[in-house]
Amino acid sequence: MNIKAEIEVFLRRTKMAPTRFGRLAARDPRLVFDMRMGRELRPALAERIRSFIAEQTK
């Protein structure tokens, strides 16, 4: 699954606001909105976000 889909699934499952997710996962409250508009993530940031999602789903 690509990182965008992983984030969207996480947001739906947890009912977390996109701005809160961005702030907690990447210190960027616009992250999700920017990704929805086409922003691509560097591999290091994508891995950090995957780690955040994994920690939250434990």
N, C-alpha and C. Protein backbone atom coordinates (compact mmCIF):
# COMPACT_ATOMS: atom_id res chain seq x y z
N MET A 1 0.86 -1.18 0.00
CA MET A 1 0.00 0.00 0.00
C MET A 1 0.90 1.24 0.00
N ASN A 2 0.52 2.25 -0.76
CA ASN A 2 1.35 3.45 -0.77
C ASN A 2 1.08 4.30 0.47
N ILE A 3 1.98 5.22 0.74
CA ILE A 3 1.91 6.00 1.98
C ILE A 3 0.64 6.84 2.05
N LYS A 4 0.19 7.38 0.93
CA LYS A 4 -1.03 8.19 0.94
C LYS A 4 -2.23 7.35 1.37
N ALA A 5 -2.33 6.16 0.83
CA ALA A 5 -3.43 5.27 1.21
C ALA A 5 -3.32 4.86 2.67
N GLU A 6 -2.12 4.58 3.13
CA GLU A 6 -1.92 4.21 4.53
C GLU A 6 -2.40 5.32 5.47
N ILE A 7 -2.08 6.55 5.13
CA ILE A 7 -2.48 7.69 5.95
C ILE A 7 -4.00 7.82 5.96
N GLU A 8 -4.63 7.72 4.78
CA GLU A 8 -6.08 7.87 4.70
C GLU A 8 -6.79 6.77 5.50
N VAL A 9 -6.29 5.54 5.42
CA VAL A 9 -6.88 4.44 6.20
C VAL A 9 -6.73 4.73 7.70
N PHE A 10 -5.55 5.17 8.11
CA PHE A 10 -5.30 5.49 9.51
C PHE A 10 -6.24 6.59 9.99
N LEU A 11 -6.40 7.63 9.19
CA LEU A 11 -7.28 8.75 9.58
C LEU A 11 -8.72 8.29 9.74
N ARG A 12 -9.20 7.46 8.81
CA ARG A 12 -10.57 6.95 8.91
C ARG A 12 -10.74 6.05 10.14
N ARG A 13 -9.76 5.18 10.35
CA ARG A 13 -9.86 4.22 11.45
C ARG A 13 -9.81 4.91 12.81
N THR A 14 -8.96 5.92 12.95
CA THR A 14 -8.78 6.57 14.25
C THR A 14 -9.64 7.81 14.43
N LYS A 15 -10.25 8.29 13.32
CA LYS A 15 -11.04 9.53 13.34
C LYS A 15 -10.18 10.72 13.77
N MET A 16 -8.89 10.65 13.49
CA MET A 16 -7.97 11.74 13.80
C MET A 16 -8.07 12.81 12.72
N ALA A 17 -8.04 14.06 13.13
CA ALA A 17 -8.08 15.16 12.17
C ALA A 17 -6.78 15.19 11.36
N PRO A 18 -6.86 15.51 10.08
CA PRO A 18 -5.65 15.56 9.25
C PRO A 18 -4.58 16.52 9.78
N THR A 19 -5.00 17.65 10.32
CA THR A 19 -4.02 18.60 10.85
C THR A 19 -3.31 18.04 12.08
N ARG A 20 -4.06 17.36 12.93
CA ARG A 20 -3.44 16.74 14.13
C ARG A 20 -2.46 15.66 13.71
N PHE A 21 -2.86 14.84 12.74
CA PHE A 21 -1.96 13.80 12.25
C PHE A 21 -0.66 14.41 11.73
N GLY A 22 -0.78 15.40 10.87
CA GLY A 22 0.40 16.03 10.31
C GLY A 22 1.31 16.63 11.37
N ARG A 23 0.70 17.26 12.35
CA ARG A 23 1.47 17.89 13.42
C ARG A 23 2.21 16.83 14.25
N LEU A 24 1.53 15.75 14.59
CA LEU A 24 2.15 14.71 15.41
C LEU A 24 3.16 13.86 14.64
N ALA A 25 2.85 13.53 13.40
CA ALA A 25 3.70 12.61 12.64
C ALA A 25 4.89 13.31 11.99
N ALA A 26 4.71 14.58 11.60
CA ALA A 26 5.77 15.23 10.81
C ALA A 26 6.00 16.69 11.18
N ARG A 27 5.35 17.15 12.23
CA ARG A 27 5.44 18.56 12.63
C ARG A 27 5.04 19.50 11.48
N ASP A 28 4.03 19.06 10.71
CA ASP A 28 3.55 19.83 9.56
C ASP A 28 2.03 19.68 9.48
N PRO A 29 1.28 20.64 10.02
CA PRO A 29 -0.17 20.50 10.03
C PRO A 29 -0.81 20.47 8.64
N ARG A 30 -0.12 20.91 7.62
CA ARG A 30 -0.65 20.91 6.26
C ARG A 30 -0.27 19.65 5.47
N LEU A 31 0.43 18.74 6.08
CA LEU A 31 0.95 17.57 5.39
C LEU A 31 -0.12 16.82 4.60
N VAL A 32 -1.20 16.43 5.24
CA VAL A 32 -2.23 15.62 4.58
C VAL A 32 -2.89 16.42 3.45
N PHE A 33 -3.19 17.68 3.71
CA PHE A 33 -3.83 18.50 2.67
C PHE A 33 -2.90 18.67 1.47
N ASP A 34 -1.61 18.88 1.74
CA ASP A 34 -0.64 19.01 0.64
C ASP A 34 -0.51 17.71 -0.14
N MET A 35 -0.52 16.58 0.56
CA MET A 35 -0.44 15.28 -0.12
C MET A 35 -1.67 15.05 -0.99
N ARG A 36 -2.81 15.45 -0.51
CA ARG A 36 -4.04 15.31 -1.30
C ARG A 36 -3.98 16.16 -2.57
N MET A 37 -3.17 17.21 -2.53
CA MET A 37 -3.01 18.08 -3.70
C MET A 37 -1.83 17.67 -4.57
N GLY A 38 -1.17 16.55 -4.23
CA GLY A 38 -0.12 16.04 -5.09
C GLY A 38 1.28 16.02 -4.51
N ARG A 39 1.45 16.49 -3.29
CA ARG A 39 2.78 16.49 -2.69
C ARG A 39 3.31 15.06 -2.56
N GLU A 40 4.55 14.87 -2.95
CA GLU A 40 5.22 13.58 -2.80
C GLU A 40 6.18 13.68 -1.61
N LEU A 41 6.30 12.59 -0.89
CA LEU A 41 7.17 12.57 0.29
C LEU A 41 8.51 11.95 -0.03
N ARG A 42 9.52 12.46 0.62
CA ARG A 42 10.84 11.83 0.53
C ARG A 42 10.79 10.53 1.33
N PRO A 43 11.63 9.59 0.96
CA PRO A 43 11.60 8.28 1.65
C PRO A 43 11.78 8.36 3.16
N ALA A 44 12.64 9.25 3.63
CA ALA A 44 12.87 9.35 5.08
C ALA A 44 11.62 9.80 5.82
N LEU A 45 10.90 10.76 5.26
CA LEU A 45 9.67 11.24 5.90
C LEU A 45 8.58 10.16 5.83
N ALA A 46 8.48 9.48 4.72
CA ALA A 46 7.50 8.41 4.59
C ALA A 46 7.75 7.33 5.65
N GLU A 47 9.01 7.00 5.88
CA GLU A 47 9.35 5.98 6.89
C GLU A 47 9.01 6.48 8.29
N ARG A 48 9.27 7.76 8.56
CA ARG A 48 8.93 8.33 9.86
C ARG A 48 7.42 8.28 10.10
N ILE A 49 6.65 8.55 9.06
CA ILE A 49 5.19 8.51 9.17
C ILE A 49 4.72 7.07 9.39
N ARG A 50 5.31 6.12 8.68
CA ARG A 50 4.94 4.71 8.89
C ARG A 50 5.25 4.28 10.32
N SER A 51 6.37 4.75 10.86
CA SER A 51 6.72 4.43 12.24
C SER A 51 5.69 5.02 13.21
N PHE A 52 5.28 6.24 12.94
CA PHE A 52 4.27 6.89 13.78
C PHE A 52 2.97 6.09 13.75
N ILE A 53 2.53 5.70 12.56
CA ILE A 53 1.29 4.93 12.43
C ILE A 53 1.42 3.60 13.18
N ALA A 54 2.56 2.94 13.05
CA ALA A 54 2.77 1.66 13.74
C ALA A 54 2.71 1.84 15.26
N GLU A 55 3.30 2.92 15.77
CA GLU A 55 3.27 3.18 17.21
C GLU A 55 1.83 3.42 17.70
N GLN A 56 1.05 4.13 16.91
CA GLN A 56 -0.30 4.47 17.30
C GLN A 56 -1.25 3.27 17.24
N THR A 57 -0.92 2.29 16.45
CA THR A 57 -1.81 1.14 16.29
C THR A 57 -1.44 -0.03 17.20
N LYS A 58 -0.48 0.15 18.05
CA LYS A 58 -0.09 -0.92 19.00
C LYS A 58 -1.13 -1.06 20.07
